[in-house]
Each structure stands twice: as structure tokens, then as C-alpha cells.
Amino acid sequence: MLVEVIVYIAVFVVVIGLALSAFYHFHMQSAYLRRNAEDITRTLKAGERWRDEIRNCSEVEIIAEPNANILRLATEQREILYTFQEGKVWRKELPDGRWVAVLKDVKSSEFQSETEDQVNSWKWELELASQQKIVRKKPLFSFMAVSGRSGSAQ
């Protein structure tokens, strides 16, 4: 009788251990999923803001700096600068604005100009830094925009 109780207790401990292990694993995966969804939402909002600013600008140019490239967007009222440094995408409104991080945990970010059929378009490619050790899909994003005003791209 005592042996049966000890066996039942041992089986109960093993089942509880397996259940807690499974719970911990799924809890961590849920946290990764939630974090990834938040990162995707933040990135899409930043990309849509960037596209909207490109559409409303009268002049777009990439300024090559020694340690970073700066994307300059000019409208009649203001200038907006974008750059990538220290794992963040920064935005600044001139003349009196300050640099504000619009995206953090970014692995790479690049602004490119593309010309096709006499239409200049702008492309923003970025990769988010992953917090997982094993990544099945890299978090890559590409945003394309065309300025809405004539004679806008250089």
C-alpha cells in the first residue's frame, strides 16, 4: 500500500513537471509572438508615416555623411531628416526640432532612390533585430513611395 502511494506521488510529480515545462514553453512563445506583433505594428506605422511624408514633399535627397546617410525631405513649410544610427531610426523636423527615435531595435536600414520610366521612387528597406536565438523568418520590411509633386526627386 505504501509503495503504491509512492508510485502515485512519483507519477503525479512527473506529470506536473511536464505540464509546467509545457506551460513555460508556450508562455515564452506567446511572449515572442506578442513582441513580434508589436514590432510589426510599430514598423508599419513608421513606414506609413514615411510614405505620407514622401508623397507630400517637394524635394527628396540622400545626404552622404561619414558615419551615416541622411534622407532629407523638403516641403514648402519644413524639412524632415531621417537617419539610421545605433540600432535606431531617427527623425528630425527642421528648423528647430530634435532627433527623435521613431524605431528601435533595428538591425539595418537603408534608403534608396530608384528610377523607372522617368518616375523617381524611393525605397526604404529595413530589418528589425530579432530577440530570439533561432529565427525562422527574418523581420524584413520594404516601403516604396513616390513624391506627389512634380520635379521632386534628385
Foldseek 3Di string as FASTA:
>chain_A
DVVVVVVVVVVVVVVVVVVVVVVVVVVVVVVLVVVVVVQVVLVVVVLVVVQVLQQQFQAWDWDDDPVWIWIWGHHPVWIKIWIDDPQFIWIFIDDDTDTDTSHHQWPDWDKDWDADPNFIKIKIKTWGHHPDPDDPDTRIDMHMHGHNDPPYYD
